[in-house]
């Protein structure tokens, strides 16, 4: 009998300690269900999708899509549901004017994707905004920016890393379109006998484009 009471007391103590630890953890994260995003070493906490909040944080942006309203702030998306808000995945194809304050640039070939909270954004010059896109094929994905085919640039006007990535990508697209040479493709996408001359044409076009955007090119 004494052994049974002792085991029961130990069990109750263990439960109380576990409850205290869980409560402390919830308080540490604001009492919300949290998701730790460590993909690409992003390493940030976000409210878990499917959890509820009473208020959307200040500084959010309102995004309308198919007669539904979403609230976007700090990389988190909310949908109004009665008096509360549900944390949801962002709708694919919508545009936002700014990236989350914490994001990780992921390169797939020469294309930069901006990643945060299990969502991917791509800059669209025509819309002057970032589009929420489907997750890309991750084969070859890296957080290291690719070399610009032996072109080295220096931002003369203090351009941010984000701006540099956009400028390099847009100049790459333009140079590849103008010359028919794409260094992200095998052999540049041209016959072997044209590789050397087309590569030189691409580098000149790339350099001219970047210089026109305020970079020193070597």
N, C-alpha and C. Protein backbone atom coordinates (compact mmCIF):
# COMPACT_ATOMS: atom_id res chain seq x y z
N UNK A 1 0.84 -1.21 0.00
CA UNK A 1 0.00 0.00 0.00
C UNK A 1 0.87 1.25 0.00
N UNK A 2 1.93 1.24 0.84
CA UNK A 2 2.80 2.41 0.90
C UNK A 2 3.49 2.61 -0.44
N UNK A 3 3.92 1.50 -1.05
CA UNK A 3 4.58 1.61 -2.36
C UNK A 3 3.64 2.19 -3.40
N UNK A 4 2.36 1.81 -3.36
CA UNK A 4 1.39 2.32 -4.32
C UNK A 4 1.19 3.82 -4.13
N UNK A 5 1.07 4.25 -2.83
CA UNK A 5 0.90 5.69 -2.56
C UNK A 5 2.13 6.47 -3.01
N UNK A 6 3.31 5.87 -2.82
CA UNK A 6 4.56 6.56 -3.22
C UNK A 6 4.62 6.71 -4.74
N UNK A 7 4.23 5.64 -5.47
CA UNK A 7 4.22 5.71 -6.94
C UNK A 7 3.22 6.75 -7.43
N UNK A 8 2.04 6.79 -6.78
CA UNK A 8 1.02 7.77 -7.16
C UNK A 8 1.51 9.19 -6.92
N UNK A 9 2.17 9.40 -5.78
CA UNK A 9 2.70 10.73 -5.47
C UNK A 9 3.76 11.14 -6.47
N UNK A 10 4.63 10.20 -6.85
CA UNK A 10 5.67 10.51 -7.83
C UNK A 10 5.06 10.86 -9.19
N UNK A 11 4.00 10.11 -9.54
CA UNK A 11 3.33 10.41 -10.81
C UNK A 11 2.70 11.78 -10.81
N UNK A 12 2.07 12.15 -9.71
CA UNK A 12 1.46 13.46 -9.61
C UNK A 12 2.50 14.56 -9.68
N UNK A 13 3.65 14.33 -9.03
CA UNK A 13 4.72 15.32 -9.06
C UNK A 13 5.27 15.49 -10.47
N UNK A 14 5.46 14.35 -11.17
CA UNK A 14 5.97 14.42 -12.55
C UNK A 14 5.00 15.17 -13.45
N UNK A 15 3.69 14.92 -13.27
CA UNK A 15 2.68 15.61 -14.08
C UNK A 15 2.72 17.11 -13.79
N UNK A 16 2.84 17.48 -12.52
CA UNK A 16 2.88 18.89 -12.16
C UNK A 16 4.10 19.57 -12.75
N UNK A 17 5.26 18.89 -12.71
CA UNK A 17 6.47 19.47 -13.28
C UNK A 17 6.34 19.65 -14.79
N UNK A 18 5.74 18.62 -15.45
CA UNK A 18 5.54 18.73 -16.91
C UNK A 18 4.59 19.86 -17.24
N UNK A 19 3.51 20.02 -16.47
CA UNK A 19 2.55 21.09 -16.71
C UNK A 19 3.20 22.44 -16.52
N UNK A 20 4.03 22.56 -15.47
CA UNK A 20 4.73 23.82 -15.22
C UNK A 20 5.66 24.16 -16.38
N UNK A 21 6.39 23.15 -16.87
CA UNK A 21 7.31 23.38 -17.98
C UNK A 21 6.55 23.79 -19.23
N UNK A 22 5.42 23.13 -19.51
CA UNK A 22 4.62 23.47 -20.70
C UNK A 22 4.07 24.88 -20.60
N UNK A 23 3.62 25.25 -19.40
CA UNK A 23 3.08 26.59 -19.20
C UNK A 23 4.16 27.64 -19.41
N UNK A 24 5.35 27.35 -18.87
CA UNK A 24 6.46 28.29 -19.03
C UNK A 24 6.83 28.44 -20.50
N UNK A 25 6.82 27.32 -21.24
CA UNK A 25 7.14 27.37 -22.67
C UNK A 25 6.10 28.19 -23.41
N UNK A 26 4.82 28.00 -23.09
CA UNK A 26 3.76 28.76 -23.75
C UNK A 26 3.89 30.24 -23.45
N UNK A 27 4.22 30.57 -22.19
CA UNK A 27 4.38 31.98 -21.84
C UNK A 27 5.58 32.58 -22.55
N UNK A 28 6.62 31.77 -22.72
CA UNK A 28 7.82 32.28 -23.39
C UNK A 28 7.51 32.66 -24.83
N UNK A 29 6.58 31.96 -25.47
CA UNK A 29 6.21 32.25 -26.86
C UNK A 29 4.87 32.97 -26.95
N UNK A 30 4.50 33.68 -25.90
CA UNK A 30 3.30 34.51 -25.97
C UNK A 30 2.02 33.73 -25.85
N UNK A 31 2.07 32.50 -25.35
CA UNK A 31 0.85 31.73 -25.17
C UNK A 31 0.26 31.20 -26.47
N UNK A 32 1.03 31.24 -27.56
CA UNK A 32 0.51 30.78 -28.85
C UNK A 32 1.24 29.50 -29.26
N UNK A 33 0.61 28.77 -30.16
CA UNK A 33 1.27 27.63 -30.75
C UNK A 33 2.33 28.14 -31.72
N UNK A 34 3.57 27.71 -31.53
CA UNK A 34 4.68 28.25 -32.31
C UNK A 34 5.27 27.20 -33.25
N UNK A 35 5.77 27.67 -34.37
CA UNK A 35 6.44 26.83 -35.35
C UNK A 35 7.85 27.37 -35.53
N UNK A 36 8.86 26.51 -35.37
CA UNK A 36 10.25 26.92 -35.56
C UNK A 36 10.67 26.52 -36.96
N UNK A 37 10.95 27.50 -37.79
CA UNK A 37 11.31 27.27 -39.19
C UNK A 37 12.83 27.26 -39.32
N UNK A 38 13.39 26.06 -39.50
CA UNK A 38 14.84 25.96 -39.61
C UNK A 38 15.30 25.58 -41.02
N UNK A 39 14.37 25.60 -41.98
CA UNK A 39 14.77 25.29 -43.36
C UNK A 39 15.76 26.34 -43.86
N UNK A 40 16.78 25.91 -44.56
CA UNK A 40 17.85 26.79 -45.07
C UNK A 40 18.50 27.59 -43.94
N UNK A 41 18.48 27.05 -42.72
CA UNK A 41 19.02 27.76 -41.55
C UNK A 41 18.32 29.10 -41.33
N UNK A 42 17.04 29.15 -41.68
CA UNK A 42 16.26 30.38 -41.47
C UNK A 42 16.15 30.68 -39.97
N UNK A 43 15.80 29.66 -39.18
CA UNK A 43 15.87 29.71 -37.72
C UNK A 43 15.08 30.87 -37.10
N UNK A 44 13.77 30.87 -37.38
CA UNK A 44 12.88 31.86 -36.76
C UNK A 44 11.59 31.17 -36.30
N UNK A 45 11.02 31.72 -35.23
CA UNK A 45 9.72 31.24 -34.75
C UNK A 45 8.59 32.03 -35.42
N UNK A 46 7.51 31.30 -35.73
CA UNK A 46 6.30 31.93 -36.26
C UNK A 46 5.09 31.28 -35.60
N UNK A 47 3.97 31.99 -35.51
CA UNK A 47 2.73 31.33 -35.06
C UNK A 47 2.40 30.18 -36.01
N UNK A 48 2.04 29.04 -35.45
CA UNK A 48 1.77 27.86 -36.27
C UNK A 48 0.49 28.06 -37.07
N UNK A 49 0.50 27.60 -38.31
CA UNK A 49 -0.70 27.65 -39.13
C UNK A 49 -1.78 26.79 -38.48
N UNK A 50 -2.99 27.33 -38.48
CA UNK A 50 -4.09 26.65 -37.81
C UNK A 50 -4.34 27.16 -36.41
N UNK A 51 -3.42 27.99 -35.89
CA UNK A 51 -3.64 28.58 -34.57
C UNK A 51 -4.45 29.87 -34.71
N UNK A 52 -4.94 30.37 -33.58
CA UNK A 52 -5.84 31.53 -33.58
C UNK A 52 -5.22 32.67 -32.80
N UNK A 53 -5.53 33.90 -33.23
CA UNK A 53 -5.14 35.09 -32.48
C UNK A 53 -6.35 36.01 -32.40
N UNK A 54 -6.38 36.81 -31.37
CA UNK A 54 -7.50 37.75 -31.21
C UNK A 54 -7.30 39.02 -32.02
N UNK A 55 -6.03 39.40 -32.22
CA UNK A 55 -5.73 40.63 -32.96
C UNK A 55 -4.57 40.39 -33.90
N UNK A 56 -4.59 41.07 -35.03
CA UNK A 56 -3.48 41.02 -35.97
C UNK A 56 -2.45 42.06 -35.53
N UNK A 57 -1.16 41.71 -35.51
CA UNK A 57 -0.14 42.68 -35.10
C UNK A 57 -0.18 43.96 -35.92
N UNK A 58 0.22 45.05 -35.31
CA UNK A 58 0.24 46.33 -36.01
C UNK A 58 1.23 46.34 -37.16
N UNK A 59 1.01 47.24 -38.10
CA UNK A 59 1.88 47.35 -39.26
C UNK A 59 1.60 46.33 -40.34
N UNK A 60 0.46 45.64 -40.27
CA UNK A 60 0.14 44.63 -41.26
C UNK A 60 -0.34 45.27 -42.56
N UNK A 61 -0.39 44.45 -43.60
CA UNK A 61 -0.86 44.86 -44.92
C UNK A 61 -2.10 44.05 -45.27
N UNK A 62 -3.11 44.70 -45.79
CA UNK A 62 -4.34 44.01 -46.20
C UNK A 62 -4.20 43.56 -47.66
N UNK A 63 -4.47 42.30 -47.91
CA UNK A 63 -4.37 41.73 -49.25
C UNK A 63 -5.70 41.06 -49.59
N UNK A 64 -6.28 41.44 -50.72
CA UNK A 64 -7.54 40.86 -51.16
C UNK A 64 -7.30 39.85 -52.27
N UNK A 65 -7.99 38.71 -52.19
CA UNK A 65 -7.85 37.68 -53.21
C UNK A 65 -9.16 36.89 -53.32
N UNK A 66 -9.78 36.92 -54.49
CA UNK A 66 -11.00 36.15 -54.75
C UNK A 66 -12.06 36.43 -53.68
N UNK A 67 -12.33 37.69 -53.45
CA UNK A 67 -13.37 38.12 -52.51
C UNK A 67 -13.07 37.73 -51.05
N UNK A 68 -11.83 37.35 -50.80
CA UNK A 68 -11.44 37.05 -49.42
C UNK A 68 -10.33 37.99 -49.01
N UNK A 69 -10.35 38.38 -47.75
CA UNK A 69 -9.37 39.32 -47.24
C UNK A 69 -8.36 38.60 -46.36
N UNK A 70 -7.09 38.95 -46.56
CA UNK A 70 -6.00 38.41 -45.76
C UNK A 70 -5.22 39.57 -45.13
N UNK A 71 -4.58 39.28 -44.03
CA UNK A 71 -3.73 40.25 -43.36
C UNK A 71 -2.32 39.67 -43.29
N UNK A 72 -1.35 40.45 -43.75
CA UNK A 72 0.03 39.98 -43.88
C UNK A 72 0.93 40.88 -43.05
N UNK A 73 1.70 40.27 -42.16
CA UNK A 73 2.60 41.04 -41.34
C UNK A 73 3.71 40.17 -40.77
N UNK A 74 4.95 40.65 -40.89
CA UNK A 74 6.13 39.96 -40.33
C UNK A 74 6.24 38.52 -40.83
N UNK A 75 5.81 38.28 -42.08
CA UNK A 75 5.93 36.96 -42.66
C UNK A 75 4.82 36.01 -42.28
N UNK A 76 3.80 36.49 -41.58
CA UNK A 76 2.68 35.65 -41.14
C UNK A 76 1.42 36.13 -41.85
N UNK A 77 0.58 35.16 -42.25
CA UNK A 77 -0.67 35.46 -42.94
C UNK A 77 -1.84 35.08 -42.07
N UNK A 78 -2.84 35.98 -42.01
CA UNK A 78 -4.02 35.76 -41.17
C UNK A 78 -5.28 35.91 -42.03
N UNK A 79 -6.30 35.11 -41.70
CA UNK A 79 -7.60 35.23 -42.35
C UNK A 79 -8.64 35.46 -41.26
N UNK A 80 -9.50 36.49 -41.41
CA UNK A 80 -10.52 36.75 -40.39
C UNK A 80 -11.55 35.63 -40.34
N UNK A 81 -11.85 35.20 -39.15
CA UNK A 81 -12.87 34.18 -38.93
C UNK A 81 -13.69 34.60 -37.72
N UNK A 82 -14.79 35.30 -37.98
CA UNK A 82 -15.59 35.82 -36.88
C UNK A 82 -14.82 36.87 -36.10
N UNK A 83 -14.82 36.79 -34.77
CA UNK A 83 -14.13 37.80 -33.98
C UNK A 83 -12.63 37.56 -33.86
N UNK A 84 -12.14 36.45 -34.41
CA UNK A 84 -10.72 36.13 -34.30
C UNK A 84 -10.08 35.98 -35.67
N UNK A 85 -8.78 35.66 -35.68
CA UNK A 85 -8.03 35.51 -36.92
C UNK A 85 -7.31 34.17 -36.92
N UNK A 86 -7.38 33.48 -38.04
CA UNK A 86 -6.75 32.18 -38.20
C UNK A 86 -5.43 32.35 -38.95
N UNK A 87 -4.37 31.75 -38.43
CA UNK A 87 -3.07 31.77 -39.11
C UNK A 87 -3.13 30.77 -40.26
N UNK A 88 -2.86 31.25 -41.48
CA UNK A 88 -3.03 30.42 -42.67
C UNK A 88 -1.79 30.48 -43.56
N UNK A 89 -1.77 29.61 -44.57
CA UNK A 89 -0.74 29.69 -45.61
C UNK A 89 -1.10 30.82 -46.55
N UNK A 90 -0.11 31.50 -47.12
CA UNK A 90 -0.43 32.59 -48.04
C UNK A 90 -1.03 32.05 -49.33
N UNK A 91 -1.96 32.78 -49.93
CA UNK A 91 -2.52 32.34 -51.22
C UNK A 91 -1.49 32.52 -52.34
N UNK A 92 -1.32 31.49 -53.14
CA UNK A 92 -0.36 31.54 -54.24
C UNK A 92 -0.83 32.55 -55.28
N UNK A 93 0.10 33.37 -55.74
CA UNK A 93 -0.20 34.32 -56.80
C UNK A 93 -0.49 35.73 -56.35
N UNK A 94 -0.60 35.96 -55.04
CA UNK A 94 -0.83 37.33 -54.58
C UNK A 94 0.50 38.08 -54.51
N UNK A 95 0.39 39.41 -54.51
CA UNK A 95 1.58 40.26 -54.48
C UNK A 95 1.61 41.06 -53.18
N UNK A 96 2.82 41.26 -52.68
CA UNK A 96 3.02 42.13 -51.51
C UNK A 96 4.13 43.11 -51.84
N UNK A 97 4.08 44.32 -51.27
CA UNK A 97 5.08 45.33 -51.62
C UNK A 97 6.41 45.15 -50.90
N UNK A 98 6.43 44.41 -49.80
CA UNK A 98 7.66 44.24 -49.02
C UNK A 98 7.81 42.78 -48.61
N UNK A 99 9.07 42.40 -48.40
CA UNK A 99 9.36 41.07 -47.89
C UNK A 99 9.22 41.04 -46.38
N UNK A 100 9.10 39.85 -45.79
CA UNK A 100 9.12 39.76 -44.33
C UNK A 100 10.43 40.36 -43.80
N UNK A 101 10.43 40.92 -42.58
CA UNK A 101 11.65 41.52 -42.05
C UNK A 101 12.78 40.52 -41.92
N UNK A 102 12.46 39.26 -41.69
CA UNK A 102 13.48 38.20 -41.67
C UNK A 102 13.18 37.26 -42.82
N UNK A 103 14.08 37.18 -43.78
CA UNK A 103 13.90 36.26 -44.89
C UNK A 103 15.25 35.69 -45.27
N UNK A 104 15.23 34.58 -45.98
CA UNK A 104 16.45 33.94 -46.45
C UNK A 104 16.39 33.87 -47.97
N UNK A 105 17.44 34.34 -48.63
CA UNK A 105 17.50 34.27 -50.09
C UNK A 105 17.98 32.88 -50.50
N UNK A 106 17.19 32.21 -51.32
CA UNK A 106 17.51 30.88 -51.82
C UNK A 106 17.66 30.96 -53.33
N UNK A 107 18.79 30.47 -53.83
CA UNK A 107 19.05 30.55 -55.26
C UNK A 107 18.77 29.20 -55.91
N UNK A 108 17.96 29.22 -56.96
CA UNK A 108 17.74 28.07 -57.83
C UNK A 108 18.31 28.47 -59.18
N UNK A 109 19.51 28.02 -59.50
CA UNK A 109 20.20 28.52 -60.68
C UNK A 109 20.50 30.00 -60.48
N UNK A 110 20.07 30.82 -61.42
CA UNK A 110 20.31 32.26 -61.34
C UNK A 110 19.11 33.01 -60.76
N UNK A 111 18.09 32.28 -60.31
CA UNK A 111 16.86 32.93 -59.85
C UNK A 111 16.85 32.98 -58.32
N UNK A 112 16.72 34.19 -57.74
CA UNK A 112 16.62 34.28 -56.28
C UNK A 112 15.18 34.16 -55.81
N UNK A 113 14.95 33.27 -54.87
CA UNK A 113 13.68 33.15 -54.18
C UNK A 113 13.89 33.67 -52.76
N UNK A 114 12.89 34.34 -52.23
CA UNK A 114 12.97 34.86 -50.87
C UNK A 114 12.05 34.03 -49.98
N UNK A 115 12.65 33.41 -48.97
CA UNK A 115 11.96 32.40 -48.18
C UNK A 115 11.76 32.85 -46.74
N UNK A 116 10.57 32.60 -46.21
CA UNK A 116 10.29 32.83 -44.79
C UNK A 116 9.00 32.11 -44.44
N UNK A 117 9.00 31.43 -43.30
CA UNK A 117 7.78 30.83 -42.76
C UNK A 117 7.10 29.89 -43.77
N UNK A 118 7.89 29.01 -44.38
CA UNK A 118 7.37 28.02 -45.33
C UNK A 118 6.71 28.65 -46.55
N UNK A 119 7.10 29.85 -46.91
CA UNK A 119 6.54 30.52 -48.08
C UNK A 119 7.69 31.09 -48.93
N UNK A 120 7.45 31.13 -50.24
CA UNK A 120 8.46 31.62 -51.18
C UNK A 120 7.91 32.84 -51.92
N UNK A 121 8.78 33.84 -52.09
CA UNK A 121 8.42 35.06 -52.79
C UNK A 121 9.43 35.30 -53.92
N UNK A 122 8.94 35.83 -55.04
CA UNK A 122 9.80 36.17 -56.17
C UNK A 122 9.48 37.60 -56.61
N UNK A 123 10.51 38.38 -56.86
CA UNK A 123 10.33 39.75 -57.31
C UNK A 123 9.82 39.77 -58.75
N UNK A 124 8.76 40.55 -58.98
CA UNK A 124 8.21 40.72 -60.33
C UNK A 124 8.29 42.19 -60.69
N UNK A 125 9.19 42.50 -61.62
CA UNK A 125 9.40 43.88 -62.01
C UNK A 125 8.13 44.50 -62.59
N UNK A 126 7.38 43.72 -63.39
CA UNK A 126 6.19 44.26 -64.04
C UNK A 126 5.13 44.71 -63.03
N UNK A 127 5.11 44.06 -61.87
CA UNK A 127 4.12 44.41 -60.83
C UNK A 127 4.74 45.25 -59.72
N UNK A 128 6.05 45.45 -59.79
CA UNK A 128 6.77 46.18 -58.75
C UNK A 128 6.42 45.63 -57.36
N UNK A 129 6.43 44.32 -57.26
CA UNK A 129 6.13 43.68 -55.98
C UNK A 129 6.63 42.25 -55.96
N UNK A 130 6.43 41.61 -54.82
CA UNK A 130 6.86 40.24 -54.63
C UNK A 130 5.65 39.32 -54.72
N UNK A 131 5.77 38.31 -55.56
CA UNK A 131 4.67 37.37 -55.73
C UNK A 131 4.90 36.13 -54.87
N UNK A 132 3.84 35.67 -54.22
CA UNK A 132 3.88 34.40 -53.51
C UNK A 132 3.78 33.29 -54.55
N UNK A 133 4.78 32.39 -54.55
CA UNK A 133 4.83 31.36 -55.59
C UNK A 133 4.86 29.97 -54.96
N UNK A 134 4.62 28.98 -55.80
CA UNK A 134 4.73 27.60 -55.37
C UNK A 134 6.18 27.29 -54.98
N UNK A 135 6.39 26.41 -54.01
CA UNK A 135 7.77 26.03 -53.68
C UNK A 135 8.50 25.53 -54.91
N UNK A 136 9.70 26.01 -55.17
CA UNK A 136 10.45 25.58 -56.36
C UNK A 136 11.03 24.18 -56.15
N UNK A 137 11.48 23.58 -57.23
CA UNK A 137 12.23 22.34 -57.14
C UNK A 137 13.53 22.61 -56.39
N UNK A 138 13.78 21.86 -55.32
CA UNK A 138 14.89 22.20 -54.44
C UNK A 138 16.21 21.57 -54.87
N UNK A 139 16.23 20.79 -55.95
CA UNK A 139 17.49 20.25 -56.42
C UNK A 139 18.43 21.38 -56.82
N UNK A 140 19.59 21.43 -56.20
CA UNK A 140 20.54 22.50 -56.50
C UNK A 140 20.28 23.79 -55.76
N UNK A 141 19.29 23.82 -54.85
CA UNK A 141 19.01 25.04 -54.09
C UNK A 141 20.18 25.38 -53.18
N UNK A 142 20.51 26.65 -53.10
CA UNK A 142 21.61 27.09 -52.25
C UNK A 142 21.33 28.49 -51.75
N UNK A 143 21.90 28.81 -50.59
CA UNK A 143 21.78 30.18 -50.07
C UNK A 143 22.97 31.03 -50.50
N UNK A 144 23.88 30.46 -51.29
CA UNK A 144 25.03 31.20 -51.80
C UNK A 144 24.70 31.75 -53.18
N UNK A 145 24.86 33.05 -53.34
CA UNK A 145 24.58 33.68 -54.64
C UNK A 145 25.54 33.13 -55.69
N UNK A 146 25.04 32.80 -56.88
CA UNK A 146 25.92 32.28 -57.93
C UNK A 146 26.84 33.36 -58.47
N UNK A 147 27.97 32.94 -58.93
CA UNK A 147 28.89 33.89 -59.57
C UNK A 147 28.27 34.39 -60.86
N UNK A 148 28.51 35.65 -61.18
CA UNK A 148 27.92 36.25 -62.38
C UNK A 148 28.80 35.99 -63.60
N UNK A 149 29.13 34.70 -63.84
CA UNK A 149 29.94 34.31 -64.99
C UNK A 149 31.22 35.13 -65.06
N UNK A 150 31.97 35.12 -63.96
CA UNK A 150 33.26 35.80 -63.85
C UNK A 150 33.13 37.33 -63.88
N UNK A 151 31.94 37.86 -63.65
CA UNK A 151 31.76 39.30 -63.55
C UNK A 151 31.67 39.68 -62.08
N UNK A 152 32.51 40.61 -61.66
CA UNK A 152 32.51 41.06 -60.27
C UNK A 152 31.99 42.49 -60.23
N UNK A 153 31.08 42.75 -59.31
CA UNK A 153 30.46 44.07 -59.25
C UNK A 153 30.64 44.67 -57.86
N UNK A 154 30.62 46.01 -57.83
CA UNK A 154 30.67 46.74 -56.58
C UNK A 154 29.55 47.79 -56.60
N UNK A 155 28.68 47.79 -55.57
CA UNK A 155 27.57 48.76 -55.56
C UNK A 155 28.06 50.17 -55.22
N UNK A 156 28.10 51.05 -56.22
CA UNK A 156 28.59 52.41 -55.99
C UNK A 156 27.61 53.28 -55.23
N UNK A 157 26.33 52.90 -55.26
CA UNK A 157 25.30 53.73 -54.64
C UNK A 157 24.75 53.12 -53.35
N UNK A 158 25.51 52.20 -52.77
CA UNK A 158 25.07 51.61 -51.51
C UNK A 158 23.86 50.71 -51.64
N UNK A 159 23.70 50.06 -52.78
CA UNK A 159 22.55 49.20 -52.99
C UNK A 159 22.56 48.05 -51.96
N UNK A 160 21.39 47.72 -51.46
CA UNK A 160 21.26 46.64 -50.49
C UNK A 160 21.49 45.29 -51.17
N UNK A 161 21.67 44.24 -50.37
CA UNK A 161 21.84 42.90 -50.93
C UNK A 161 20.60 42.49 -51.71
N UNK A 162 19.43 42.87 -51.20
CA UNK A 162 18.18 42.57 -51.89
C UNK A 162 18.16 43.24 -53.26
N UNK A 163 18.54 44.52 -53.31
CA UNK A 163 18.55 45.25 -54.57
C UNK A 163 19.59 44.68 -55.52
N UNK A 164 20.76 44.31 -54.99
CA UNK A 164 21.80 43.72 -55.83
C UNK A 164 21.32 42.42 -56.47
N UNK A 165 20.62 41.61 -55.68
CA UNK A 165 20.12 40.33 -56.20
C UNK A 165 19.13 40.58 -57.34
N UNK A 166 18.22 41.55 -57.14
CA UNK A 166 17.25 41.86 -58.19
C UNK A 166 17.94 42.38 -59.44
N UNK A 167 18.91 43.30 -59.24
CA UNK A 167 19.59 43.89 -60.39
C UNK A 167 20.38 42.83 -61.18
N UNK A 168 21.07 41.95 -60.47
CA UNK A 168 21.83 40.92 -61.16
C UNK A 168 20.92 39.97 -61.93
N UNK A 169 19.80 39.62 -61.31
CA UNK A 169 18.87 38.71 -61.98
C UNK A 169 18.26 39.37 -63.22
N UNK A 170 17.82 40.62 -63.07
CA UNK A 170 17.18 41.30 -64.19
C UNK A 170 18.19 41.57 -65.32
N UNK A 171 19.43 41.92 -64.96
CA UNK A 171 20.45 42.13 -65.99
C UNK A 171 20.81 40.80 -66.66
N UNK A 172 20.83 39.74 -65.88
CA UNK A 172 21.10 38.42 -66.47
C UNK A 172 20.01 38.06 -67.48
N UNK A 173 18.75 38.26 -67.13
CA UNK A 173 17.67 37.94 -68.06
C UNK A 173 17.80 38.76 -69.34
N UNK A 174 18.10 40.07 -69.18
CA UNK A 174 18.21 40.93 -70.35
C UNK A 174 19.39 40.52 -71.21
N UNK A 175 20.55 40.28 -70.58
CA UNK A 175 21.75 39.91 -71.35
C UNK A 175 21.54 38.58 -72.06
N UNK A 176 20.92 37.61 -71.39
CA UNK A 176 20.67 36.31 -72.02
C UNK A 176 19.72 36.45 -73.20
N UNK A 177 18.71 37.32 -73.04
CA UNK A 177 17.76 37.54 -74.13
C UNK A 177 18.41 38.23 -75.32
N UNK A 178 19.29 39.19 -75.03
CA UNK A 178 19.94 39.95 -76.10
C UNK A 178 20.96 39.12 -76.87
N UNK A 179 21.66 38.24 -76.18
CA UNK A 179 22.79 37.54 -76.80
C UNK A 179 22.50 36.09 -77.15
N UNK A 180 21.45 35.52 -76.54
CA UNK A 180 21.17 34.10 -76.77
C UNK A 180 22.05 33.18 -75.96
N UNK A 181 22.88 33.74 -75.09
CA UNK A 181 23.78 32.94 -74.26
C UNK A 181 23.30 33.00 -72.81
N UNK A 182 23.14 31.82 -72.19
CA UNK A 182 22.67 31.74 -70.81
C UNK A 182 23.64 30.89 -70.01
N UNK A 183 24.47 31.49 -69.15
CA UNK A 183 25.48 30.73 -68.41
C UNK A 183 24.90 29.73 -67.41
N UNK A 184 23.60 29.82 -67.12
CA UNK A 184 22.99 28.86 -66.20
C UNK A 184 22.62 27.57 -66.92
N UNK A 185 22.72 27.54 -68.26
CA UNK A 185 22.44 26.33 -69.02
C UNK A 185 23.74 25.66 -69.45
N UNK A 186 23.66 24.37 -69.68
CA UNK A 186 24.83 23.63 -70.13
C UNK A 186 25.34 24.20 -71.44
N UNK A 187 26.64 24.56 -71.45
CA UNK A 187 27.22 25.12 -72.66
C UNK A 187 26.69 26.47 -73.03
N UNK A 188 26.01 27.11 -72.11
CA UNK A 188 25.43 28.41 -72.39
C UNK A 188 24.21 28.36 -73.29
N UNK A 189 23.78 27.13 -73.66
CA UNK A 189 22.61 26.99 -74.53
C UNK A 189 22.90 27.31 -75.99
N UNK A 190 24.20 27.30 -76.35
CA UNK A 190 24.57 27.60 -77.75
C UNK A 190 25.47 26.49 -78.27
N UNK A 191 25.63 26.37 -79.59
CA UNK A 191 26.55 25.37 -80.15
C UNK A 191 27.97 25.60 -79.64
N UNK A 192 28.75 24.55 -79.49
CA UNK A 192 30.12 24.69 -78.94
C UNK A 192 30.97 25.69 -79.69
N UNK A 193 30.80 25.76 -81.01
CA UNK A 193 31.63 26.68 -81.78
C UNK A 193 31.29 28.14 -81.53
N UNK A 194 30.11 28.41 -80.94
CA UNK A 194 29.71 29.78 -80.65
C UNK A 194 29.93 30.17 -79.18
N UNK A 195 30.34 29.20 -78.38
CA UNK A 195 30.39 29.43 -76.94
C UNK A 195 31.28 30.61 -76.57
N UNK A 196 32.48 30.66 -77.10
CA UNK A 196 33.43 31.69 -76.70
C UNK A 196 32.94 33.09 -77.07
N UNK A 197 32.50 33.26 -78.32
CA UNK A 197 32.07 34.60 -78.76
C UNK A 197 30.77 35.01 -78.07
N UNK A 198 29.84 34.06 -77.92
CA UNK A 198 28.58 34.38 -77.26
C UNK A 198 28.79 34.70 -75.78
N UNK A 199 29.71 34.00 -75.13
CA UNK A 199 30.02 34.30 -73.73
C UNK A 199 30.54 35.73 -73.58
N UNK A 200 31.43 36.12 -74.51
CA UNK A 200 31.96 37.48 -74.47
C UNK A 200 30.84 38.51 -74.68
N UNK A 201 29.93 38.21 -75.61
CA UNK A 201 28.80 39.10 -75.85
C UNK A 201 27.94 39.23 -74.58
N UNK A 202 27.70 38.11 -73.95
CA UNK A 202 26.89 38.10 -72.71
C UNK A 202 27.56 38.94 -71.63
N UNK A 203 28.86 38.76 -71.45
CA UNK A 203 29.56 39.51 -70.40
C UNK A 203 29.53 41.01 -70.67
N UNK A 204 29.68 41.40 -71.94
CA UNK A 204 29.61 42.83 -72.27
C UNK A 204 28.21 43.38 -71.99
N UNK A 205 27.18 42.61 -72.37
CA UNK A 205 25.81 43.06 -72.14
C UNK A 205 25.51 43.13 -70.65
N UNK A 206 25.96 42.13 -69.91
CA UNK A 206 25.75 42.10 -68.47
C UNK A 206 26.45 43.29 -67.81
N UNK A 207 27.69 43.55 -68.21
CA UNK A 207 28.43 44.67 -67.64
C UNK A 207 27.78 46.00 -67.94
N UNK A 208 27.32 46.20 -69.18
CA UNK A 208 26.68 47.46 -69.55
C UNK A 208 25.40 47.68 -68.74
N UNK A 209 24.63 46.61 -68.57
CA UNK A 209 23.39 46.71 -67.80
C UNK A 209 23.66 47.10 -66.35
N UNK A 210 24.63 46.42 -65.75
CA UNK A 210 24.94 46.69 -64.33
C UNK A 210 25.55 48.07 -64.14
N UNK A 211 26.40 48.50 -65.07
CA UNK A 211 26.96 49.85 -64.96
C UNK A 211 25.86 50.88 -65.05
N UNK A 212 24.87 50.63 -65.90
CA UNK A 212 23.75 51.55 -66.02
C UNK A 212 22.90 51.61 -64.77
N UNK A 213 23.04 50.63 -63.90
CA UNK A 213 22.27 50.61 -62.64
C UNK A 213 23.12 51.04 -61.45
N UNK A 214 24.32 51.57 -61.73
CA UNK A 214 25.10 52.14 -60.64
C UNK A 214 26.11 51.20 -60.00
N UNK A 215 26.66 50.28 -60.78
CA UNK A 215 27.66 49.36 -60.26
C UNK A 215 28.99 49.54 -60.99
N UNK A 216 30.06 49.29 -60.28
CA UNK A 216 31.38 49.19 -60.89
C UNK A 216 31.58 47.74 -61.27
N UNK A 217 31.93 47.47 -62.52
CA UNK A 217 32.01 46.11 -63.03
C UNK A 217 33.43 45.78 -63.45
N UNK A 218 33.89 44.61 -63.02
CA UNK A 218 35.23 44.14 -63.43
C UNK A 218 35.10 42.72 -63.98
